Amino acid sequence: MKKINLIFIRSKISSDPRMLDDQKNDYLNQLKKEYEISEDGEVFFFIESGGTEEEFRSIYSSYKAPYNLIATDANNSLPASLEIASFLKNNNLTYNLYHAKKEDILDVLSKKRDTLNAKNFAYKSSEKILENKRYGVVGKPSDWLISSDVNYEDAKKKFGVNLIDITFEEFKSEIEHAKSIVDPVVFEAKLNEKISEDTLKVALKIYSALYSIIKKHDLDGLTVRCFDLLGIYHNTSCLALALLNSQGYIATCEGDVPAMLTMGIIREKFHQSSFQVNPSLVNEKERYAYFAHCTIPLDMVISYKFDTHFESGLGIGIAGELNLAKVTIFKVGSKLDKFEVFEGQISENLHRDNLCRTQLKIKFDEDISSLLDAPCGNHLIIFKGHHKDELVDLLSKNKSI
C-alpha cells in the first residue's frame, strides 16, 4: 500500500470547525482504502478551507516540488488551492492540484495533471481601458491573497488606472463617524432570526463609510480588506459592496486588486455590473462548475435574502438568485501579462450549506481544465452575456501563454 503524508491546513476563523472535521474524516475514509497515512510518505497538502494560503506560504519552503494539493468541493477549499497554485506557478514551481468530491478523490489521485500545457491568453503590451480611473485600495490585500499583488506602476502603464492606497485606520474612522445614508427601513423585510436590526445598522454604517471614502478621494471604485471588520465590528462589507456595485462603482472584497481591475474593464466595455466569485467545484468531465460568494450587485439578481457571512457566521451576506442566462467568466492575472475567459450558461441557483451565500451552477460547452491548471488567483468575475470573442479581440496578442 502506497504511503502518503497528509499536511492538513484550515482557516482559524471558521465558524463551524465540526463541519471541517466531518469533511476531513469523509475524505480520510476514502483515502485509507488505497493509501497508508504516514509521515514518511509522499507529501500532500490537504486544503481544508479558504483563508489557508498564507499558512501554506509559511511552510511550503520546508518541502520540495512538485507540491501536491488536495482540494475538496466545500468550505472554499478550491479557491484557496487555486490561489496557492497561482502563487507556485508565478514562482516557477511545479504543482499537482487534485480536486474532487470525496467519492471521486481516489480516481482523481491516480491521474497526473499536465499543468505545463495549460494556457491563458497573453495581453497586448498596453490597452489603456481604464485611462484616468481612480481606484482605492482600502487597507491592503487580505493575507491569503498570496498571488494577487499588483504593481501599481505596471497597472498605470498598461491600463491607465491610478491605484490609491487608503489606510484601514481611515476606514475605521469613517465607520465610527458614519451617518447612515440609507434608511434601514428599506431592508426591514429582509431581517430574520439570524440578522438583527443592530447588525443591519452597522452594515449600513460600513456602506456609508465606503461611500464617504469614494467621494473624499474622488474614486471610481475600491477594494476592501474586509475580513478585518469581523473582529472589530462583528460585521462585513458584503451589503456595502452589493449596494456600491449596483450604483455603478467598482467594489470588490478581500483587497483583491486584479478582481477590481477585471470588474473595471467589464464596467467600461460592457456597461454592466459583475459578480466576484470563488470557484467551489469544477467537474471537467461533465463541464460544469459551482461558483459562490457572499456579496453580489443587487442589480444582477431577480431576488435575494439576507443570511450571515459564510466563513464567520457574522454580519450580513447576500443570498441572491439570478436568471438562468448566458454568462462570461473572466479574470485578469496579477502580473498583468495574461487573462482567462470562458463562456457558460447558468443552469441552477444552488442552496448548499457549505458554500458562500449566492451560489451558481454554470454549464460550459468548452474545455474548462484551465480553471484548475492555469488559474489567475482564487477569484473569478462573472457577468451577463457571451463576450469571450470581444475580450480576446480587445485584450490579447492573439496567442496563448
Protein backbone atom coordinates (compact mmCIF):
# COMPACT_ATOMS: atom_id res chain seq x y z
CA MET A 1 0.00 0.00 0.00
CA LYS A 2 1.43 3.36 -1.02
CA LYS A 3 2.25 5.80 1.80
CA ILE A 4 1.18 9.44 1.75
CA ASN A 5 1.88 12.16 4.31
CA LEU A 6 -1.11 14.48 4.67
CA ILE A 7 -0.47 18.06 5.86
CA PHE A 8 -3.84 19.48 6.91
CA ILE A 9 -4.35 23.25 6.61
CA ARG A 10 -7.51 25.05 7.76
CA SER A 11 -8.54 28.61 8.49
CA LYS A 12 -8.63 29.83 12.10
CA ILE A 13 -11.79 31.91 11.52
CA SER A 14 -14.16 29.09 10.60
CA SER A 15 -17.45 29.39 12.47
CA ASP A 16 -18.09 25.65 12.18
CA PRO A 17 -14.99 23.52 12.96
CA ARG A 18 -17.20 20.45 13.28
CA MET A 19 -18.18 20.76 9.61
CA LEU A 20 -14.49 20.82 8.67
CA ASP A 21 -13.81 17.81 10.90
CA ASP A 22 -16.62 15.87 9.22
CA GLN A 23 -15.32 16.79 5.77
CA LYS A 24 -11.77 15.79 6.72
CA ASN A 25 -12.93 12.42 8.06
CA ASP A 26 -15.04 11.72 4.96
CA TYR A 27 -12.01 12.22 2.72
CA LEU A 28 -9.72 10.29 5.05
CA ASN A 29 -12.06 7.32 4.98
CA GLN A 30 -11.83 7.28 1.20
CA LEU A 31 -8.05 7.74 1.08
CA LYS A 32 -7.40 4.97 3.60
CA LYS A 33 -8.94 2.47 1.18
CA GLU A 34 -5.82 2.69 -1.00
CA TYR A 35 -3.20 4.65 0.95
CA GLU A 36 -1.37 4.34 4.24
CA ILE A 37 -1.26 7.71 6.02
CA SER A 38 2.35 8.01 7.21
CA GLU A 39 4.86 10.78 7.94
CA ASP A 40 7.43 9.10 5.68
CA GLY A 41 5.09 9.06 2.66
CA GLU A 42 4.81 11.41 -0.33
CA VAL A 43 3.62 14.81 0.93
CA PHE A 44 0.11 16.06 0.08
CA PHE A 45 -1.26 19.36 1.37
CA PHE A 46 -4.91 18.86 2.26
CA ILE A 47 -6.54 22.30 1.96
CA GLU A 48 -9.50 22.10 4.32
CA SER A 49 -10.93 25.58 3.85
CA GLY A 50 -10.49 29.06 2.46
CA GLY A 51 -8.14 31.54 4.12
CA THR A 52 -5.29 28.99 4.25
CA GLU A 53 -2.98 30.42 1.60
CA GLU A 54 -0.75 32.39 3.97
CA GLU A 55 -0.33 29.32 6.18
CA PHE A 56 0.81 27.34 3.11
CA ARG A 57 3.27 30.07 2.15
CA SER A 58 4.76 30.00 5.65
CA ILE A 59 5.62 26.27 5.42
CA TYR A 60 6.00 25.31 1.76
CA SER A 61 9.76 26.02 1.58
CA SER A 62 10.35 23.15 4.02
CA TYR A 63 9.19 20.76 1.28
CA LYS A 64 10.23 20.04 -2.29
CA ALA A 65 8.36 20.49 -5.56
CA PRO A 66 6.19 19.28 -7.08
CA TYR A 67 3.68 20.41 -4.46
CA ASN A 68 0.65 18.13 -4.22
CA LEU A 69 -2.58 19.95 -3.29
CA ILE A 70 -5.86 18.23 -2.43
CA ALA A 71 -8.91 20.50 -2.77
CA THR A 72 -12.41 19.48 -1.67
CA ASP A 73 -15.75 20.64 -3.06
CA ALA A 74 -16.75 22.67 0.00
CA ASN A 75 -15.77 25.39 2.51
CA ASN A 76 -13.79 27.41 -0.08
CA SER A 77 -11.09 24.75 -0.27
CA LEU A 78 -10.84 25.02 -4.06
CA PRO A 79 -10.40 28.82 -4.32
CA ALA A 80 -7.69 28.68 -1.66
CA SER A 81 -5.97 25.91 -3.62
CA LEU A 82 -6.21 27.95 -6.83
CA GLU A 83 -4.56 30.95 -5.14
CA ILE A 84 -1.78 28.65 -3.91
CA ALA A 85 -1.41 27.11 -7.37
CA SER A 86 -1.21 30.56 -8.94
CA PHE A 87 1.44 31.56 -6.39
CA LEU A 88 3.51 28.46 -7.18
CA LYS A 89 3.17 28.99 -10.93
CA ASN A 90 4.21 32.66 -10.59
CA ASN A 91 7.34 31.45 -8.78
CA ASN A 92 8.09 28.79 -11.42
CA LEU A 93 7.38 25.94 -9.00
CA THR A 94 5.57 22.83 -10.18
CA TYR A 95 2.41 21.55 -8.53
CA ASN A 96 -0.32 18.94 -8.86
CA LEU A 97 -3.84 20.02 -7.94
CA TYR A 98 -6.22 17.16 -7.13
CA HIS A 99 -9.83 18.27 -6.80
CA ALA A 100 -12.95 16.12 -6.47
CA LYS A 101 -15.88 15.17 -4.32
CA LYS A 102 -14.90 12.65 -1.67
CA GLU A 103 -16.33 9.70 -3.59
CA ASP A 104 -14.15 10.55 -6.63
CA ILE A 105 -10.89 11.51 -4.93
CA LEU A 106 -9.19 8.11 -5.38
CA ASP A 107 -9.81 8.16 -9.11
CA VAL A 108 -8.50 11.72 -9.38
CA LEU A 109 -5.33 10.93 -7.38
CA SER A 110 -4.48 8.15 -9.79
CA LYS A 111 -4.06 10.61 -12.67
CA LYS A 112 -1.25 13.16 -13.06
CA ARG A 113 -2.34 16.56 -14.36
CA ASP A 114 -0.48 18.27 -17.21
CA THR A 115 -0.26 21.79 -15.79
CA LEU A 116 2.71 22.67 -18.00
CA ASN A 117 0.50 22.74 -21.09
CA ALA A 118 -2.32 24.77 -19.57
CA LYS A 119 -2.92 28.05 -21.36
CA ASN A 120 -4.09 31.59 -20.70
CA PHE A 121 -4.46 34.42 -23.18
CA ALA A 122 -1.49 36.81 -23.38
CA TYR A 123 -2.08 40.56 -23.11
CA LYS A 124 -1.23 43.21 -25.59
CA SER A 125 1.58 45.40 -24.26
CA SER A 126 -0.78 48.26 -23.47
CA GLU A 127 -4.52 48.80 -23.68
CA LYS A 128 -5.49 51.82 -21.58
CA ILE A 129 -9.07 50.79 -21.00
CA LEU A 130 -9.16 52.41 -17.55
CA GLU A 131 -7.50 55.69 -18.54
CA ASN A 132 -7.66 58.21 -15.65
CA LYS A 133 -9.82 55.94 -13.50
CA ARG A 134 -9.10 56.18 -9.77
CA TYR A 135 -9.47 53.03 -7.67
CA GLY A 136 -8.82 52.87 -3.94
CA VAL A 137 -7.14 50.02 -2.08
CA VAL A 138 -8.61 50.20 1.43
CA GLY A 139 -6.21 48.55 3.84
CA LYS A 140 -4.23 46.07 1.77
CA PRO A 141 -4.94 42.70 0.13
CA SER A 142 -6.02 40.01 2.58
CA ASP A 143 -3.12 37.89 3.83
CA TRP A 144 -4.29 34.82 1.91
CA LEU A 145 -4.14 36.57 -1.49
CA ILE A 146 -0.55 35.39 -1.95
CA SER A 147 -0.60 35.59 -5.76
CA SER A 148 -2.71 38.74 -6.22
CA ASP A 149 -0.26 41.60 -5.64
CA VAL A 150 -0.32 44.14 -8.48
CA ASN A 151 2.48 46.56 -9.30
CA TYR A 152 0.81 49.98 -9.30
CA GLU A 153 3.16 51.43 -11.94
CA ASP A 154 2.54 48.48 -14.25
CA ALA A 155 -1.22 48.94 -13.84
CA LYS A 156 -0.86 52.63 -14.75
CA LYS A 157 1.24 51.86 -17.85
CA LYS A 158 -0.96 49.04 -19.07
CA PHE A 159 -4.48 50.21 -18.25
CA GLY A 160 -4.05 53.93 -17.46
CA VAL A 161 -5.55 53.41 -13.98
CA ASN A 162 -4.49 55.20 -10.80
CA LEU A 163 -4.39 52.98 -7.69
CA ILE A 164 -4.61 54.92 -4.42
CA ASP A 165 -3.76 53.43 -1.03
CA ILE A 166 -6.19 54.28 1.78
CA THR A 167 -5.36 53.17 5.30
CA PHE A 168 -7.63 50.86 7.24
CA GLU A 169 -7.40 53.40 10.08
CA GLU A 170 -9.10 55.99 7.86
CA PHE A 171 -11.79 53.43 7.04
CA LYS A 172 -12.39 52.73 10.74
CA SER A 173 -12.61 56.45 11.47
CA GLU A 174 -15.22 56.86 8.74
CA ILE A 175 -17.24 53.99 10.19
CA GLU A 176 -17.13 55.47 13.71
CA HIS A 177 -18.38 58.84 12.42
CA ALA A 178 -20.76 57.50 9.77
CA LYS A 179 -24.31 58.67 9.49
CA SER A 180 -26.47 56.21 7.60
CA ILE A 181 -27.34 57.46 4.11
CA VAL A 182 -29.73 54.53 3.59
CA ASP A 183 -32.79 54.20 5.79
CA PRO A 184 -32.70 50.76 7.46
CA VAL A 185 -36.45 50.54 6.86
CA VAL A 186 -35.62 49.87 3.18
CA PHE A 187 -34.32 46.46 4.22
CA GLU A 188 -36.64 45.76 7.13
CA ALA A 189 -38.39 42.91 5.30
CA LYS A 190 -35.03 41.14 4.90
CA LEU A 191 -34.45 40.80 8.65
CA ASN A 192 -34.75 37.32 10.12
CA GLU A 193 -33.71 35.27 13.13
CA LYS A 194 -30.06 35.44 12.01
CA ILE A 195 -29.98 39.15 11.18
CA SER A 196 -30.89 41.71 13.83
CA GLU A 197 -31.74 45.36 13.35
CA ASP A 198 -28.46 46.32 15.04
CA THR A 199 -26.50 44.11 12.60
CA LEU A 200 -28.22 45.85 9.70
CA LYS A 201 -27.44 49.31 11.10
CA VAL A 202 -23.72 48.50 11.40
CA ALA A 203 -23.66 47.07 7.86
CA LEU A 204 -25.19 50.30 6.58
CA LYS A 205 -22.63 52.37 8.53
CA ILE A 206 -19.91 50.40 6.71
CA TYR A 207 -21.61 51.27 3.43
CA SER A 208 -21.82 54.95 4.39
CA ALA A 209 -18.12 54.95 5.33
CA LEU A 210 -17.07 53.46 1.98
CA TYR A 211 -19.31 55.88 0.10
CA SER A 212 -17.69 58.76 2.02
CA ILE A 213 -14.22 57.48 1.09
CA ILE A 214 -15.23 57.31 -2.58
CA LYS A 215 -16.42 60.91 -2.50
CA LYS A 216 -13.48 62.22 -0.44
CA HIS A 217 -10.84 60.66 -2.74
CA ASP A 218 -12.80 61.11 -5.99
CA LEU A 219 -12.77 57.36 -6.67
CA ASP A 220 -14.41 55.33 -9.39
CA GLY A 221 -14.20 52.23 -7.22
CA LEU A 222 -12.37 50.46 -4.44
CA THR A 223 -11.39 47.14 -2.93
CA VAL A 224 -11.62 46.49 0.80
CA ARG A 225 -9.63 44.38 3.26
CA CYS A 226 -12.98 43.31 4.62
CA PHE A 227 -12.24 40.34 6.89
CA ASP A 228 -10.63 42.68 9.44
CA LEU A 229 -14.12 44.06 10.09
CA LEU A 230 -15.15 40.75 11.66
CA GLY A 231 -13.01 41.13 14.75
CA ILE A 232 -13.81 44.82 15.25
CA TYR A 233 -17.48 45.16 14.33
CA HIS A 234 -18.65 41.52 14.07
CA ASN A 235 -19.83 42.50 10.60
CA THR A 236 -18.74 42.54 6.97
CA SER A 237 -18.82 44.78 3.91
CA CYS A 238 -20.95 42.34 1.87
CA LEU A 239 -24.06 44.55 1.86
CA ALA A 240 -22.00 47.70 1.27
CA LEU A 241 -20.31 46.22 -1.81
CA ALA A 242 -23.66 44.95 -3.14
CA LEU A 243 -25.03 48.50 -2.94
CA LEU A 244 -21.96 50.26 -4.35
CA ASN A 245 -21.73 47.96 -7.37
CA SER A 246 -25.43 48.49 -8.03
CA GLN A 247 -24.78 52.24 -8.06
CA GLY A 248 -22.16 51.95 -10.80
CA TYR A 249 -18.99 51.94 -8.69
CA ILE A 250 -16.47 49.11 -8.73
CA ALA A 251 -16.35 47.44 -5.31
CA THR A 252 -14.51 44.20 -4.53
CA CYS A 253 -13.73 42.35 -1.34
CA GLU A 254 -10.58 40.98 0.31
CA GLY A 255 -8.44 43.76 -1.17
CA ASP A 256 -8.33 41.87 -4.48
CA VAL A 257 -6.83 44.36 -6.95
CA PRO A 258 -6.86 42.06 -10.03
CA ALA A 259 -10.56 41.42 -9.39
CA MET A 260 -11.14 45.18 -9.17
CA LEU A 261 -9.33 45.79 -12.48
CA THR A 262 -11.30 42.98 -14.12
CA MET A 263 -14.61 44.42 -12.93
CA GLY A 264 -13.48 47.85 -14.11
CA ILE A 265 -12.84 46.54 -17.63
CA ILE A 266 -16.30 44.95 -17.67
CA ARG A 267 -17.94 48.17 -16.49
CA GLU A 268 -16.10 50.29 -19.08
CA LYS A 269 -16.58 47.99 -22.08
CA PHE A 270 -19.91 46.30 -21.40
CA HIS A 271 -21.61 48.86 -19.11
CA GLN A 272 -22.82 46.34 -16.57
CA SER A 273 -22.24 45.10 -13.05
CA SER A 274 -20.32 41.89 -12.42
CA PHE A 275 -20.07 39.26 -9.69
CA GLN A 276 -16.81 38.41 -7.87
CA VAL A 277 -16.87 34.68 -7.11
CA ASN A 278 -14.98 31.73 -5.70
CA PRO A 279 -14.88 28.61 -7.89
CA SER A 280 -16.08 25.95 -5.47
CA LEU A 281 -16.33 22.83 -7.62
CA VAL A 282 -15.02 22.12 -11.13
CA ASN A 283 -16.23 18.99 -12.92
CA GLU A 284 -14.06 18.77 -16.04
CA LYS A 285 -15.67 15.61 -17.42
CA GLU A 286 -19.23 16.94 -17.37
CA ARG A 287 -18.11 20.54 -17.96
CA TYR A 288 -19.83 22.34 -15.14
CA ALA A 289 -18.67 24.32 -12.12
CA TYR A 290 -20.07 25.83 -8.93
CA PHE A 291 -19.32 29.47 -8.12
CA ALA A 292 -20.24 31.30 -4.91
CA HIS A 293 -19.68 34.43 -2.82
CA CYS A 294 -21.41 36.36 -0.04
CA THR A 295 -21.90 39.60 -1.95
CA ILE A 296 -23.41 40.29 -5.35
CA PRO A 297 -24.58 43.53 -7.01
CA LEU A 298 -28.27 43.88 -6.29
CA ASP A 299 -28.95 44.92 -9.89
CA MET A 300 -27.84 41.46 -11.07
CA VAL A 301 -30.34 39.41 -9.04
CA ILE A 302 -34.00 38.62 -9.57
CA SER A 303 -34.46 38.10 -5.81
CA TYR A 304 -32.34 37.97 -2.68
CA LYS A 305 -32.46 37.47 1.07
CA PHE A 306 -30.12 38.17 3.96
CA ASP A 307 -28.00 35.48 5.55
CA THR A 308 -24.83 35.59 7.63
CA HIS A 309 -21.36 35.77 6.12
CA PHE A 310 -20.43 32.12 5.39
CA GLU A 311 -17.00 31.64 6.97
CA SER A 312 -17.64 33.60 10.16
CA GLY A 313 -21.38 33.26 10.70
CA LEU A 314 -21.43 37.03 11.37
CA GLY A 315 -22.77 40.16 9.67
CA ILE A 316 -24.88 40.14 6.53
CA GLY A 317 -24.27 38.04 3.44
CA ILE A 318 -26.40 38.28 0.32
CA ALA A 319 -28.10 35.08 -0.87
CA GLY A 320 -29.20 36.06 -4.37
CA GLU A 321 -30.81 34.25 -7.28
CA LEU A 322 -30.11 35.03 -10.93
CA ASN A 323 -31.86 34.34 -14.20
CA LEU A 324 -30.68 31.16 -15.93
CA ALA A 325 -28.83 33.21 -18.54
CA LYS A 326 -25.68 33.10 -20.65
CA VAL A 327 -22.63 34.44 -18.82
CA THR A 328 -18.92 35.14 -19.32
CA ILE A 329 -16.32 34.22 -16.68
CA PHE A 330 -13.24 36.46 -16.85
CA LYS A 331 -10.17 37.34 -14.76
CA VAL A 332 -7.03 39.46 -15.15
CA GLY A 333 -3.79 37.91 -13.85
CA SER A 334 -1.90 39.74 -11.09
CA LYS A 335 1.22 40.24 -13.22
CA LEU A 336 -0.97 41.84 -15.91
CA ASP A 337 0.53 39.58 -18.59
CA LYS A 338 -2.34 37.11 -19.02
CA PHE A 339 -6.05 36.58 -18.55
CA GLU A 340 -8.55 33.72 -18.53
CA VAL A 341 -12.02 33.78 -20.06
CA PHE A 342 -14.81 31.22 -20.53
CA GLU A 343 -18.42 31.28 -21.69
CA GLY A 344 -21.18 29.36 -19.96
CA GLN A 345 -24.84 29.15 -19.04
CA ILE A 346 -26.29 29.40 -15.53
CA SER A 347 -28.18 26.13 -15.13
CA GLU A 348 -29.17 26.36 -11.47
CA ASN A 349 -29.22 28.57 -8.38
CA LEU A 350 -27.81 26.41 -5.58
CA HIS A 351 -28.53 26.43 -1.84
CA ARG A 352 -25.74 24.42 -0.20
CA ASP A 353 -24.87 24.89 3.49
CA ASN A 354 -21.11 24.59 2.93
CA LEU A 355 -20.60 27.40 0.39
CA CYS A 356 -20.87 31.20 0.34
CA ARG A 357 -24.41 32.52 0.16
CA THR A 358 -25.03 33.31 -3.54
CA GLN A 359 -24.35 30.08 -5.42
CA LEU A 360 -24.47 29.28 -9.14
CA LYS A 361 -24.06 26.13 -11.17
CA ILE A 362 -22.73 27.01 -14.64
CA LYS A 363 -22.54 24.64 -17.61
CA PHE A 364 -19.89 25.00 -20.33
CA ASP A 365 -19.61 23.83 -23.94
CA GLU A 366 -15.80 24.18 -23.90
CA ASP A 367 -12.94 22.50 -22.06
CA ILE A 368 -12.61 24.02 -18.57
CA SER A 369 -9.44 22.27 -17.39
CA SER A 370 -7.56 25.60 -17.38
CA LEU A 371 -9.73 26.69 -14.45
CA LEU A 372 -7.61 24.26 -12.42
CA ASP A 373 -4.37 24.15 -14.40
CA ALA A 374 -3.76 27.83 -15.17
CA PRO A 375 -5.60 29.84 -12.51
CA CYS A 376 -5.33 33.62 -12.18
CA GLY A 377 -5.83 33.54 -8.40
CA ASN A 378 -8.73 32.43 -6.26
CA HIS A 379 -11.42 34.77 -7.59
CA LEU A 380 -13.15 34.97 -10.96
CA ILE A 381 -15.63 37.54 -12.28
CA ILE A 382 -19.00 36.65 -13.82
CA PHE A 383 -21.10 38.95 -15.98
CA LYS A 384 -24.09 38.57 -18.28
CA GLY A 385 -23.90 37.60 -21.93
CA HIS A 386 -21.30 35.83 -24.07
CA HIS A 387 -18.36 38.18 -24.66
CA LYS A 388 -15.28 35.95 -24.98
CA ASP A 389 -14.51 36.90 -28.58
CA GLU A 390 -14.83 40.60 -27.78
CA LEU A 391 -12.44 40.30 -24.83
CA VAL A 392 -9.91 38.32 -26.82
CA ASP A 393 -10.05 40.85 -29.68
CA LEU A 394 -9.75 43.75 -27.23
CA LEU A 395 -7.02 42.46 -24.94
CA SER A 396 -4.95 39.66 -26.41
CA LYS A 397 -1.89 39.37 -28.62
CA ASN A 398 -3.80 36.62 -30.45
CA LYS A 399 -1.65 33.98 -28.82
CA SER A 400 -1.84 31.99 -25.62
CA ILE A 401 0.79 31.53 -22.94
